[in-house]
Amino acid sequence: MSASLKIDGLAISRLARGIQLQRTASKLRRLAAGAAVIAGLGIALPAIAQGAKIAPQDPSRPHVYLMRGLMNIFSLGMDQLATQVARNGIEAAVYNHSVAETVVQTIVQKYRGGDHGPYILVGHSLGADAVMTMAAQLNLQGVPVALVVPFDGTASYAAPGNVSCVLNLTQRRYAYVQAGAGFHGKLSNVDVSSDTSVDHFTIDKSPRLQGIALTAILQAAHGQSCRPVGGPPTLVRAKEPQVAKEIAPKEIAPKESAPKESASKEAAPNKSASANKSASASKTTSPNKSASPNNSAAPAKSAAPAKSAAPAKSAAPAKSASPIVSSGSQG
């Protein structure tokens, strides 16, 4: 009995060990499976991250560059306008016109780095000249410009083909912007010379003109206008206030007075003709006065018509006067 009990005890212990080994093996298998899952996730996560780098989010956003004029003291309206643009959540930076080339290089780097804007240029006085020059330089670099807003530039410029819109606020006719080669956008020359409250030093600070510029900037920044377009350029020119004065009919007065002058000239010969007729009549009635035919012939010469001179032939009694003179000499 004791021997059988020992054998049973050994069998039971071996069976218990086998069960423990199975449990340990199952745990190991589970751990191995978990490790495999973790390892798989570790491989998949970098792949997902690499995929995100291949298709990054578009970094493009609107940029507004405002250029001051001489000495940074006459173009403070650019700072005022930049503040208004920034309040609408759009990046705006103010520079002096002397660093225009540096700003151009900054824009080129951003554009080639994937930031496609839109880019908007605004300037006053020499800064207005600068933004037109900057647009031409960006055209050579292949960078599109959505909107250019010059405030009273000092010269006339041609809008290049990379510009979608030009809003030229000026009080000088010779500073109108023209459509350049390849330009297919919208060109507006707004002449404010009729506004007596605006001059070269106040045009950039005018609330009304700042409002016009701000509206155009916000629309271009949000893609509501000034997108790249094809076809011929659209030219918009403001009405010139001095046109009414130029149309004043200065030449009409001579045309109206001309008939009166001609009528007076025509009336003069009639009066002279009637004078000649009355003179001829007096000569025929009073033969004694006809002894001076030379004096009576003078009015006939002043009366240009040759026909009116015909009555001078009626002075034939002069021949009869000659015998009277000769008879006097004989006596």
C-alpha atoms as a PDB file:
ATOM      1  CA  MET A   1       0.000   0.000   0.000  1.00  0.00           C
ATOM      2  CA  SER A   2       2.776   2.395   0.897  1.00  0.00           C
ATOM      3  CA  ALA A   3       4.550   1.707  -2.400  1.00  0.00           C
ATOM      4  CA  SER A   4       1.434   2.467  -4.399  1.00  0.00           C
ATOM      5  CA  LEU A   5       0.854   5.622  -2.487  1.00  0.00           C
ATOM      6  CA  LYS A   6       4.376   6.790  -3.246  1.00  0.00           C
ATOM      7  CA  ILE A   7       3.869   6.070  -6.925  1.00  0.00           C
ATOM      8  CA  ASP A   8       0.607   8.034  -6.932  1.00  0.00           C
ATOM      9  CA  GLY A   9       2.309  10.928  -5.148  1.00  0.00           C
ATOM     10  CA  LEU A  10       5.049  11.055  -7.748  1.00  0.00           C
ATOM     11  CA  ALA A  11       2.501  10.977 -10.566  1.00  0.00           C
ATOM     12  CA  ILE A  12       0.504  13.756  -9.012  1.00  0.00           C
ATOM     13  CA  SER A  13       3.569  15.909  -8.516  1.00  0.00           C
ATOM     14  CA  ARG A  14       4.670  15.325 -12.101  1.00  0.00           C
ATOM     15  CA  LEU A  15       1.180  16.191 -13.310  1.00  0.00           C
ATOM     16  CA  ALA A  16       1.206  19.397 -11.262  1.00  0.00           C
ATOM     17  CA  ARG A  17       4.568  20.344 -12.695  1.00  0.00           C
ATOM     18  CA  GLY A  18       3.287  19.681 -16.209  1.00  0.00           C
ATOM     19  CA  ILE A  19       0.310  21.904 -15.594  1.00  0.00           C
ATOM     20  CA  GLN A  20       2.549  24.668 -14.295  1.00  0.00           C
ATOM     21  CA  LEU A  21       4.831  24.295 -17.302  1.00  0.00           C
ATOM     22  CA  GLN A  22       1.843  24.587 -19.634  1.00  0.00           C
ATOM     23  CA  ARG A  23       0.641  27.679 -17.832  1.00  0.00           C
ATOM     24  CA  THR A  24       4.122  29.191 -17.980  1.00  0.00           C
ATOM     25  CA  ALA A  25       4.372  28.377 -21.664  1.00  0.00           C
ATOM     26  CA  SER A  26       0.987  29.976 -22.378  1.00  0.00           C
ATOM     27  CA  LYS A  27       2.059  33.072 -20.502  1.00  0.00           C
ATOM     28  CA  LEU A  28       5.250  33.197 -22.490  1.00  0.00           C
ATOM     29  CA  ARG A  29       3.301  32.827 -25.718  1.00  0.00           C
ATOM     30  CA  ARG A  30       1.014  35.649 -24.646  1.00  0.00           C
ATOM     31  CA  LEU A  31       3.976  37.823 -23.759  1.00  0.00           C
ATOM     32  CA  ALA A  32       5.580  37.013 -27.099  1.00  0.00           C
ATOM     33  CA  ALA A  33       2.385  37.904 -28.924  1.00  0.00           C
ATOM     34  CA  GLY A  34       2.172  41.190 -27.020  1.00  0.00           C
ATOM     35  CA  ALA A  35       5.780  41.951 -27.819  1.00  0.00           C
ATOM     36  CA  ALA A  36       5.102  41.277 -31.483  1.00  0.00           C
ATOM     37  CA  VAL A  37       2.145  43.630 -31.425  1.00  0.00           C
ATOM     38  CA  ILE A  38       4.201  46.319 -29.729  1.00  0.00           C
ATOM     39  CA  ALA A  39       7.009  45.801 -32.184  1.00  0.00           C
ATOM     40  CA  GLY A  40       4.536  46.124 -35.049  1.00  0.00           C
ATOM     41  CA  LEU A  41       3.167  49.337 -33.649  1.00  0.00           C
ATOM     42  CA  GLY A  42       6.703  50.669 -33.251  1.00  0.00           C
ATOM     43  CA  ILE A  43       7.321  50.120 -36.943  1.00  0.00           C
ATOM     44  CA  ALA A  44       3.978  51.515 -38.078  1.00  0.00           C
ATOM     45  CA  LEU A  45       4.186  54.775 -36.112  1.00  0.00           C
ATOM     46  CA  PRO A  46       7.376  56.048 -37.826  1.00  0.00           C
ATOM     47  CA  ALA A  47       5.854  55.121 -41.153  1.00  0.00           C
ATOM     48  CA  ILE A  48       2.781  57.193 -40.338  1.00  0.00           C
ATOM     49  CA  ALA A  49       5.006  60.065 -39.254  1.00  0.00           C
ATOM     50  CA  GLN A  50       6.971  59.839 -42.481  1.00  0.00           C
ATOM     51  CA  GLY A  51       3.732  59.893 -44.433  1.00  0.00           C
ATOM     52  CA  ALA A  52       2.698  63.082 -42.634  1.00  0.00           C
ATOM     53  CA  LYS A  53       5.980  64.720 -43.612  1.00  0.00           C
ATOM     54  CA  ILE A  54       5.459  63.850 -47.249  1.00  0.00           C
ATOM     55  CA  ALA A  55       2.123  65.705 -47.333  1.00  0.00           C
ATOM     56  CA  PRO A  56       2.537  68.704 -44.946  1.00  0.00           C
ATOM     57  CA  GLN A  57      -0.090  71.355 -44.363  1.00  0.00           C
ATOM     58  CA  ASP A  58      -0.007  74.263 -46.828  1.00  0.00           C
ATOM     59  CA  PRO A  59       1.902  77.103 -45.084  1.00  0.00           C
ATOM     60  CA  SER A  60       0.530  79.796 -47.418  1.00  0.00           C
ATOM     61  CA  ARG A  61      -1.008  82.823 -45.766  1.00  0.00           C
ATOM     62  CA  PRO A  62      -1.532  86.478 -46.775  1.00  0.00           C
ATOM     63  CA  HIS A  63       1.309  88.959 -46.294  1.00  0.00           C
ATOM     64  CA  VAL A  64       1.029  92.762 -46.524  1.00  0.00           C
ATOM     65  CA  TYR A  65       4.154  94.893 -46.939  1.00  0.00           C
ATOM     66  CA  LEU A  66       3.829  98.658 -46.495  1.00  0.00           C
ATOM     67  CA  MET A  67       6.622 100.977 -47.648  1.00  0.00           C
ATOM     68  CA  ARG A  68       7.158 104.481 -46.208  1.00  0.00           C
ATOM     69  CA  GLY A  69       8.524 107.440 -48.141  1.00  0.00           C
ATOM     70  CA  LEU A  70      11.332 109.860 -47.368  1.00  0.00           C
ATOM     71  CA  MET A  71      12.896 109.803 -43.868  1.00  0.00           C
ATOM     72  CA  ASN A  72      10.046 107.777 -42.329  1.00  0.00           C
ATOM     73  CA  ILE A  73       8.270 110.944 -41.185  1.00  0.00           C
ATOM     74  CA  PHE A  74       5.962 111.817 -44.081  1.00  0.00           C
ATOM     75  CA  SER A  75       4.294 108.421 -44.515  1.00  0.00           C
ATOM     76  CA  LEU A  76       2.911 107.590 -41.085  1.00  0.00           C
ATOM     77  CA  GLY A  77      -0.371 106.697 -42.743  1.00  0.00           C
ATOM     78  CA  MET A  78       1.314 103.396 -43.666  1.00  0.00           C
ATOM     79  CA  ASP A  79       1.622 102.601 -39.952  1.00  0.00           C
ATOM     80  CA  GLN A  80      -2.030 103.458 -39.392  1.00  0.00           C
ATOM     81  CA  LEU A  81      -3.093 101.212 -42.257  1.00  0.00           C
ATOM     82  CA  ALA A  82      -0.865  98.367 -41.033  1.00  0.00           C
ATOM     83  CA  THR A  83      -2.574  98.511 -37.629  1.00  0.00           C
ATOM     84  CA  GLN A  84      -5.993  98.232 -39.266  1.00  0.00           C
ATOM     85  CA  VAL A  85      -4.852  95.266 -41.375  1.00  0.00           C
ATOM     86  CA  ALA A  86      -3.404  93.473 -38.328  1.00  0.00           C
ATOM     87  CA  ARG A  87      -6.694  93.907 -36.461  1.00  0.00           C
ATOM     88  CA  ASN A  88      -8.267  91.727 -39.150  1.00  0.00           C
ATOM     89  CA  GLY A  89      -5.829  88.896 -38.443  1.00  0.00           C
ATOM     90  CA  ILE A  90      -3.517  89.516 -41.412  1.00  0.00           C
ATOM     91  CA  GLU A  91       0.236  89.847 -41.104  1.00  0.00           C
ATOM     92  CA  ALA A  92       1.396  93.398 -41.950  1.00  0.00           C
ATOM     93  CA  ALA A  93       4.908  94.855 -41.808  1.00  0.00           C
ATOM     94  CA  VAL A  94       6.116  98.432 -42.428  1.00  0.00           C
ATOM     95  CA  TYR A  95       9.490  99.293 -43.988  1.00  0.00           C
ATOM     96  CA  ASN A  96      11.289 102.276 -45.465  1.00  0.00           C
ATOM     97  CA  HIS A  97      11.513 102.452 -49.237  1.00  0.00           C
ATOM     98  CA  SER A  98      15.331 102.209 -49.044  1.00  0.00           C
ATOM     99  CA  VAL A  99      15.183  98.493 -48.065  1.00  0.00           C
ATOM    100  CA  ALA A 100      12.892  97.481 -50.909  1.00  0.00           C
ATOM    101  CA  GLU A 101      15.389  95.012 -52.391  1.00  0.00           C
ATOM    102  CA  THR A 102      15.765  93.243 -49.044  1.00  0.00           C
ATOM    103  CA  VAL A 103      11.999  92.872 -48.760  1.00  0.00           C
ATOM    104  CA  VAL A 104      11.884  91.446 -52.274  1.00  0.00           C
ATOM    105  CA  GLN A 105      14.429  88.775 -51.336  1.00  0.00           C
ATOM    106  CA  THR A 106      12.390  87.910 -48.246  1.00  0.00           C
ATOM    107  CA  ILE A 107       9.268  87.428 -50.350  1.00  0.00           C
ATOM    108  CA  VAL A 108      11.138  85.277 -52.872  1.00  0.00           C
ATOM    109  CA  GLN A 109      12.461  83.013 -50.101  1.00  0.00           C
ATOM    110  CA  LYS A 110       9.002  82.585 -48.591  1.00  0.00           C
ATOM    111  CA  TYR A 111       7.436  81.826 -51.954  1.00  0.00           C
ATOM    112  CA  ARG A 112      10.059  79.244 -52.866  1.00  0.00           C
ATOM    113  CA  GLY A 113       9.684  77.736 -49.398  1.00  0.00           C
ATOM    114  CA  GLY A 114       6.041  76.950 -50.119  1.00  0.00           C
ATOM    115  CA  ASP A 115       4.350  80.082 -48.782  1.00  0.00           C
ATOM    116  CA  HIS A 116       2.408  81.280 -51.813  1.00  0.00           C
ATOM    117  CA  GLY A 117       0.774  84.217 -50.110  1.00  0.00           C
ATOM    118  CA  PRO A 118      -1.139  86.106 -51.451  1.00  0.00           C
ATOM    119  CA  TYR A 119       1.381  88.966 -51.362  1.00  0.00           C
ATOM    120  CA  ILE A 120       0.159  92.568 -51.168  1.00  0.00           C
ATOM    121  CA  LEU A 121       2.312  95.699 -51.582  1.00  0.00           C
ATOM    122  CA  VAL A 122       1.319  99.192 -50.353  1.00  0.00           C
ATOM    123  CA  GLY A 123       3.405 102.384 -50.399  1.00  0.00           C
ATOM    124  CA  HIS A 124       3.311 106.184 -50.166  1.00  0.00           C
ATOM    125  CA  SER A 125       5.349 108.760 -52.111  1.00  0.00           C
ATOM    126  CA  LEU A 126       8.785 107.223 -52.720  1.00  0.00           C
ATOM    127  CA  GLY A 127       7.331 104.117 -51.098  1.00  0.00           C
ATOM    128  CA  ALA A 128       4.686 104.089 -53.838  1.00  0.00           C
ATOM    129  CA  ASP A 129       7.449 104.146 -56.427  1.00  0.00           C
ATOM    130  CA  ALA A 130       9.167 101.349 -54.503  1.00  0.00           C
ATOM    131  CA  VAL A 131       6.188  98.962 -54.543  1.00  0.00           C
ATOM    132  CA  MET A 132       5.884  99.291 -58.330  1.00  0.00           C
ATOM    133  CA  THR A 133       9.600  98.544 -58.687  1.00  0.00           C
ATOM    134  CA  MET A 134       9.291  95.625 -56.252  1.00  0.00           C
ATOM    135  CA  ALA A 135       6.440  94.159 -58.289  1.00  0.00           C
ATOM    136  CA  ALA A 136       8.609  94.313 -61.413  1.00  0.00           C
ATOM    137  CA  GLN A 137      11.501  92.581 -59.589  1.00  0.00           C
ATOM    138  CA  LEU A 138       9.186  89.855 -58.287  1.00  0.00           C
ATOM    139  CA  ASN A 139       7.942  89.388 -61.838  1.00  0.00           C
ATOM    140  CA  LEU A 140      11.505  88.514 -62.890  1.00  0.00           C
ATOM    141  CA  GLN A 141      11.647  85.984 -60.020  1.00  0.00           C
ATOM    142  CA  GLY A 142       8.353  84.377 -61.002  1.00  0.00           C
ATOM    143  CA  VAL A 143       6.533  85.447 -57.833  1.00  0.00           C
ATOM    144  CA  PRO A 144       2.893  86.524 -58.294  1.00  0.00           C
ATOM    145  CA  VAL A 145       1.591  89.638 -56.538  1.00  0.00           C
ATOM    146  CA  ALA A 146      -2.108  89.853 -55.734  1.00  0.00           C
ATOM    147  CA  LEU A 147      -2.465  93.610 -55.152  1.00  0.00           C
ATOM    148  CA  VAL A 148      -0.358  96.773 -55.388  1.00  0.00           C
ATOM    149  CA  VAL A 149      -1.651 100.019 -53.800  1.00  0.00           C
ATOM    150  CA  PRO A 150       0.483 103.126 -54.512  1.00  0.00           C
ATOM    151  CA  PHE A 151      -0.441 106.315 -52.638  1.00  0.00           C
ATOM    152  CA  ASP A 152       0.561 109.314 -54.796  1.00  0.00           C
ATOM    153  CA  GLY A 153       3.707 108.039 -56.470  1.00  0.00           C
ATOM    154  CA  THR A 154       6.096 110.517 -58.033  1.00  0.00           C
ATOM    155  CA  ALA A 155       6.169 108.984 -61.528  1.00  0.00           C
ATOM    156  CA  SER A 156       4.208 106.792 -63.921  1.00  0.00           C
ATOM    157  CA  TYR A 157       4.933 103.053 -63.941  1.00  0.00           C
ATOM    158  CA  ALA A 158       3.828 100.040 -65.982  1.00  0.00           C
ATOM    159  CA  ALA A 159       2.008  97.221 -64.187  1.00  0.00           C
ATOM    160  CA  PRO A 160       3.923  93.946 -64.813  1.00  0.00           C
ATOM    161  CA  GLY A 161       2.326  90.671 -65.807  1.00  0.00           C
ATOM    162  CA  ASN A 162       2.616  89.006 -62.379  1.00  0.00           C
ATOM    163  CA  VAL A 163       0.279  91.538 -60.734  1.00  0.00           C
ATOM    164  CA  SER A 164      -3.437  90.776 -60.501  1.00  0.00           C
ATOM    165  CA  CYS A 165      -4.693  94.208 -59.331  1.00  0.00           C
ATOM    166  CA  VAL A 166      -3.372  97.762 -59.105  1.00  0.00           C
ATOM    167  CA  LEU A 167      -5.237 100.419 -57.088  1.00  0.00           C
ATOM    168  CA  ASN A 168      -3.440 103.694 -57.787  1.00  0.00           C
ATOM    169  CA  LEU A 169      -4.540 106.535 -55.483  1.00  0.00           C
ATOM    170  CA  THR A 170      -3.076 109.731 -56.905  1.00  0.00           C
ATOM    171  CA  GLN A 171      -3.551 113.457 -57.335  1.00  0.00           C
ATOM    172  CA  ARG A 172      -1.195 113.709 -60.324  1.00  0.00           C
ATOM    173  CA  ARG A 173      -2.235 112.894 -63.856  1.00  0.00           C
ATOM    174  CA  TYR A 174       1.327 112.198 -64.910  1.00  0.00           C
ATOM    175  CA  ALA A 175       1.564 109.510 -62.197  1.00  0.00           C
ATOM    176  CA  TYR A 176      -1.142 107.263 -63.684  1.00  0.00           C
ATOM    177  CA  VAL A 177      -0.154 103.576 -63.857  1.00  0.00           C
ATOM    178  CA  GLN A 178      -0.230 101.989 -67.303  1.00  0.00           C
ATOM    179  CA  ALA A 179      -0.746  98.353 -68.304  1.00  0.00           C
ATOM    180  CA  GLY A 180       2.622  96.771 -68.997  1.00  0.00           C
ATOM    181  CA  ALA A 181       3.596  93.791 -71.127  1.00  0.00           C
ATOM    182  CA  GLY A 182       1.698  90.655 -70.099  1.00  0.00           C
ATOM    183  CA  PHE A 183      -0.566  92.448 -67.637  1.00  0.00           C
ATOM    184  CA  HIS A 184      -4.060  90.899 -67.621  1.00  0.00           C
ATOM    185  CA  GLY A 185      -5.385  92.103 -64.275  1.00  0.00           C
ATOM    186  CA  LYS A 186      -7.472  95.022 -63.055  1.00  0.00           C
ATOM    187  CA  LEU A 187      -5.972  98.517 -63.161  1.00  0.00           C
ATOM    188  CA  SER A 188      -7.659 101.426 -61.332  1.00  0.00           C
ATOM    189  CA  ASN A 189      -6.326 105.000 -61.410  1.00  0.00           C
ATOM    190  CA  VAL A 190      -8.264 106.952 -58.772  1.00  0.00           C
ATOM    191  CA  ASP A 191      -7.657 110.694 -59.250  1.00  0.00           C
ATOM    192  CA  VAL A 192      -8.383 112.627 -56.029  1.00  0.00           C
ATOM    193  CA  SER A 193      -7.060 115.999 -57.200  1.00  0.00           C
ATOM    194  CA  SER A 194     -10.549 117.510 -56.784  1.00  0.00           C
ATOM    195  CA  ASP A 195     -10.463 116.883 -53.007  1.00  0.00           C
ATOM    196  CA  THR A 196      -9.015 120.092 -51.537  1.00  0.00           C
ATOM    197  CA  SER A 197      -8.441 118.385 -48.177  1.00  0.00           C
ATOM    198  CA  VAL A 198      -5.932 115.994 -49.726  1.00  0.00           C
ATOM    199  CA  ASP A 199      -2.360 116.786 -50.734  1.00  0.00           C
ATOM    200  CA  HIS A 200       0.836 114.784 -51.073  1.00  0.00           C
ATOM    201  CA  PHE A 201       1.506 114.806 -47.329  1.00  0.00           C
ATOM    202  CA  THR A 202      -2.032 113.906 -46.221  1.00  0.00           C
ATOM    203  CA  ILE A 203      -3.215 111.489 -48.903  1.00  0.00           C
ATOM    204  CA  ASP A 204      -1.910 108.446 -46.980  1.00  0.00           C
ATOM    205  CA  LYS A 205      -3.641 109.626 -43.778  1.00  0.00           C
ATOM    206  CA  SER A 206      -7.053 110.302 -45.319  1.00  0.00           C
ATOM    207  CA  PRO A 207      -9.616 108.071 -43.536  1.00  0.00           C
ATOM    208  CA  ARG A 208     -11.667 107.821 -46.720  1.00  0.00           C
ATOM    209  CA  LEU A 209      -8.743 106.663 -48.850  1.00  0.00           C
ATOM    210  CA  GLN A 210      -7.472 104.353 -46.118  1.00  0.00           C
ATOM    211  CA  GLY A 211     -10.923 102.774 -46.079  1.00  0.00           C
ATOM    212  CA  ILE A 212     -10.793 102.218 -49.843  1.00  0.00           C
ATOM    213  CA  ALA A 213      -7.340 100.654 -49.576  1.00  0.00           C
ATOM    214  CA  LEU A 214      -8.291  98.501 -46.562  1.00  0.00           C
ATOM    215  CA  THR A 215     -11.321  97.057 -48.350  1.00  0.00           C
ATOM    216  CA  ALA A 216      -9.195  96.119 -51.360  1.00  0.00           C
ATOM    217  CA  ILE A 217      -6.500  94.593 -49.122  1.00  0.00           C
ATOM    218  CA  LEU A 218      -8.929  92.429 -47.139  1.00  0.00           C
ATOM    219  CA  GLN A 219     -10.686  91.179 -50.266  1.00  0.00           C
ATOM    220  CA  ALA A 220      -7.383  90.256 -51.892  1.00  0.00           C
ATOM    221  CA  ALA A 221      -6.078  88.624 -48.691  1.00  0.00           C
ATOM    222  CA  HIS A 222      -9.149  86.385 -48.405  1.00  0.00           C
ATOM    223  CA  GLY A 223      -9.091  85.471 -52.094  1.00  0.00           C
ATOM    224  CA  GLN A 224     -12.312  87.318 -52.828  1.00  0.00           C
ATOM    225  CA  SER A 225     -10.634  89.376 -55.555  1.00  0.00           C
ATOM    226  CA  CYS A 226      -7.343  89.916 -57.369  1.00  0.00           C
ATOM    227  CA  ARG A 227      -6.855  86.286 -58.293  1.00  0.00           C
ATOM    228  CA  PRO A 228      -4.652  85.392 -61.265  1.00  0.00           C
ATOM    229  CA  VAL A 229      -6.696  86.003 -64.402  1.00  0.00           C
ATOM    230  CA  GLY A 230      -6.215  85.740 -68.153  1.00  0.00           C
ATOM    231  CA  GLY A 231      -7.326  87.829 -71.079  1.00  0.00           C
ATOM    232  CA  PRO A 232      -6.945  91.548 -71.685  1.00  0.00           C
ATOM    233  CA  PRO A 233      -6.437  93.932 -68.748  1.00  0.00           C
ATOM    234  CA  THR A 234      -9.374  95.696 -67.132  1.00  0.00           C
ATOM    235  CA  LEU A 235      -8.792  99.451 -66.967  1.00  0.00           C
ATOM    236  CA  VAL A 236     -10.827 101.529 -64.523  1.00  0.00           C
ATOM    237  CA  ARG A 237     -10.275 105.285 -64.434  1.00  0.00           C
ATOM    238  CA  ALA A 238     -11.944 107.710 -62.058  1.00  0.00           C
ATOM    239  CA  LYS A 239     -13.848 110.707 -63.420  1.00  0.00           C
ATOM    240  CA  GLU A 240     -11.666 113.761 -63.598  1.00  0.00           C
ATOM    241  CA  PRO A 241     -13.218 116.723 -61.786  1.00  0.00           C
ATOM    242  CA  GLN A 242     -11.754 119.367 -64.115  1.00  0.00           C
ATOM    243  CA  VAL A 243     -13.364 118.010 -67.231  1.00  0.00           C
ATOM    244  CA  ALA A 244     -16.406 120.245 -66.778  1.00  0.00           C
ATOM    245  CA  LYS A 245     -14.211 123.349 -66.813  1.00  0.00           C
ATOM    246  CA  GLU A 246     -12.398 122.190 -69.897  1.00  0.00           C
ATOM    247  CA  ILE A 247     -15.649 121.572 -71.746  1.00  0.00           C
ATOM    248  CA  ALA A 248     -16.772 125.199 -71.219  1.00  0.00           C
ATOM    249  CA  PRO A 249     -17.593 126.399 -74.764  1.00  0.00           C
ATOM    250  CA  LYS A 250     -14.993 129.115 -75.151  1.00  0.00           C
ATOM    251  CA  GLU A 251     -14.969 128.750 -78.922  1.00  0.00           C
ATOM    252  CA  ILE A 252     -18.735 128.897 -79.344  1.00  0.00           C
ATOM    253  CA  ALA A 253     -18.956 132.646 -78.605  1.00  0.00           C
ATOM    254  CA  PRO A 254     -16.948 133.701 -81.695  1.00  0.00           C
ATOM    255  CA  LYS A 255     -19.115 131.473 -83.853  1.00  0.00           C
ATOM    256  CA  GLU A 256     -22.267 133.113 -82.543  1.00  0.00           C
ATOM    257  CA  SER A 257     -20.857 136.649 -82.858  1.00  0.00           C
ATOM    258  CA  ALA A 258     -19.505 135.974 -86.334  1.00  0.00           C
ATOM    259  CA  PRO A 259     -22.902 136.324 -88.049  1.00  0.00           C
ATOM    260  CA  LYS A 260     -23.429 139.656 -86.291  1.00  0.00           C
ATOM    261  CA  GLU A 261     -20.081 140.898 -87.478  1.00  0.00           C
ATOM    262  CA  SER A 262     -20.728 139.671 -90.984  1.00  0.00           C
ATOM    263  CA  ALA A 263     -24.162 141.249 -90.884  1.00  0.00           C
ATOM    264  CA  SER A 264     -22.664 144.580 -89.829  1.00  0.00           C
ATOM    265  CA  LYS A 265     -20.105 144.280 -92.596  1.00  0.00           C
ATOM    266  CA  GLU A 266     -22.843 143.528 -95.090  1.00  0.00           C
ATOM    267  CA  ALA A 267     -24.877 146.467 -93.799  1.00  0.00           C
ATOM    268  CA  ALA A 268     -21.963 148.833 -94.282  1.00  0.00           C
ATOM    269  CA  PRO A 269     -21.841 148.443 -98.087  1.00  0.00           C
ATOM    270  CA  ASN A 270     -25.586 149.002 -98.238  1.00  0.00           C
ATOM    271  CA  LYS A 271     -25.219 152.243 -96.343  1.00  0.00           C
ATOM    272  CA  SER A 272     -22.356 153.334 -98.575  1.00  0.00           C
ATOM    273  CA  ALA A 273     -24.352 152.359-101.599  1.00  0.00           C
ATOM    274  CA  SER A 274     -27.298 154.406-100.414  1.00  0.00           C
ATOM    275  CA  ALA A 275     -24.899 157.276 -99.729  1.00  0.00           C
ATOM    276  CA  ASN A 276     -23.557 156.960-103.223  1.00  0.00           C
ATOM    277  CA  LYS A 277     -27.069 156.980-104.659  1.00  0.00           C
ATOM    278  CA  SER A 278     -27.998 160.052-102.640  1.00  0.00           C
ATOM    279  CA  ALA A 279     -24.770 161.716-103.668  1.00  0.00           C
ATOM    280  CA  SER A 280     -25.409 160.945-107.322  1.00  0.00           C
ATOM    281  CA  ALA A 281     -28.939 162.246-106.963  1.00  0.00           C
ATOM    282  CA  SER A 282     -27.678 165.492-105.421  1.00  0.00           C
ATOM    283  CA  LYS A 283     -25.153 165.870-108.189  1.00  0.00           C
ATOM    284  CA  THR A 284     -27.789 165.530-110.879  1.00  0.00           C
ATOM    285  CA  THR A 285     -30.091 168.054-109.216  1.00  0.00           C
ATOM    286  CA  SER A 286     -27.372 170.636-108.510  1.00  0.00           C
ATOM    287  CA  PRO A 287     -25.161 170.982-111.602  1.00  0.00           C
ATOM    288  CA  ASN A 288     -23.155 173.886-110.034  1.00  0.00           C
ATOM    289  CA  LYS A 289     -21.649 171.512-107.407  1.00  0.00           C
ATOM    290  CA  SER A 290     -20.772 169.047-110.131  1.00  0.00           C
ATOM    291  CA  ALA A 291     -17.875 171.317-111.040  1.00  0.00           C
ATOM    292  CA  SER A 292     -15.749 169.347-108.536  1.00  0.00           C
ATOM    293  CA  PRO A 293     -15.960 165.812-109.920  1.00  0.00           C
ATOM    294  CA  ASN A 294     -12.659 164.701-108.335  1.00  0.00           C
ATOM    295  CA  ASN A 295     -13.985 165.107-104.809  1.00  0.00           C
ATOM    296  CA  SER A 296     -17.135 163.193-105.604  1.00  0.00           C
ATOM    297  CA  ALA A 297     -15.111 160.387-107.133  1.00  0.00           C
ATOM    298  CA  ALA A 298     -13.362 159.664-103.829  1.00  0.00           C
ATOM    299  CA  PRO A 299     -16.410 158.078-102.140  1.00  0.00           C
ATOM    300  CA  ALA A 300     -16.839 155.860-105.163  1.00  0.00           C
ATOM    301  CA  LYS A 301     -13.408 154.355-104.497  1.00  0.00           C
ATOM    302  CA  SER A 302     -14.184 153.737-100.810  1.00  0.00           C
ATOM    303  CA  ALA A 303     -17.303 151.876-101.839  1.00  0.00           C
ATOM    304  CA  ALA A 304     -15.688 148.620-102.942  1.00  0.00           C
ATOM    305  CA  PRO A 305     -18.465 147.519-105.349  1.00  0.00           C
ATOM    306  CA  ALA A 306     -17.553 148.538-108.901  1.00  0.00           C
ATOM    307  CA  LYS A 307     -21.203 148.744-109.932  1.00  0.00           C
ATOM    308  CA  SER A 308     -21.893 151.516-107.429  1.00  0.00           C
ATOM    309  CA  ALA A 309     -19.189 153.553-109.122  1.00  0.00           C
ATOM    310  CA  ALA A 310     -21.187 153.566-112.366  1.00  0.00           C
ATOM    311  CA  PRO A 311     -23.195 156.670-111.397  1.00  0.00           C
ATOM    312  CA  ALA A 312     -19.892 158.604-111.525  1.00  0.00           C
ATOM    313  CA  LYS A 313     -20.338 158.604-115.313  1.00  0.00           C
ATOM    314  CA  SER A 314     -23.302 160.921-114.829  1.00  0.00           C
ATOM    315  CA  ALA A 315     -20.763 163.644-114.203  1.00  0.00           C
ATOM    316  CA  ALA A 316     -20.822 164.270-117.990  1.00  0.00           C
ATOM    317  CA  PRO A 317     -21.761 167.958-117.420  1.00  0.00           C
ATOM    318  CA  ALA A 318     -18.079 168.411-116.606  1.00  0.00           C
ATOM    319  CA  LYS A 319     -17.470 168.488-120.364  1.00  0.00           C
ATOM    320  CA  SER A 320     -19.883 171.362-120.672  1.00  0.00           C
ATOM    321  CA  ALA A 321     -18.007 173.054-117.883  1.00  0.00           C
ATOM    322  CA  SER A 322     -14.819 173.120-119.925  1.00  0.00           C
ATOM    323  CA  PRO A 323     -16.230 175.461-122.593  1.00  0.00           C
ATOM    324  CA  ILE A 324     -17.314 177.801-119.831  1.00  0.00           C
ATOM    325  CA  VAL A 325     -13.748 177.915-118.535  1.00  0.00           C
ATOM    326  CA  SER A 326     -12.317 178.404-121.997  1.00  0.00           C
ATOM    327  CA  SER A 327     -14.760 181.184-122.756  1.00  0.00           C
ATOM    328  CA  GLY A 328     -13.672 182.878-119.581  1.00  0.00           C
ATOM    329  CA  SER A 329     -10.084 182.804-120.776  1.00  0.00           C
ATOM    330  CA  GLN A 330     -11.032 184.343-124.085  1.00  0.00           C
ATOM    331  CA  GLY A 331     -12.850 187.279-122.470  1.00  0.00           C
END
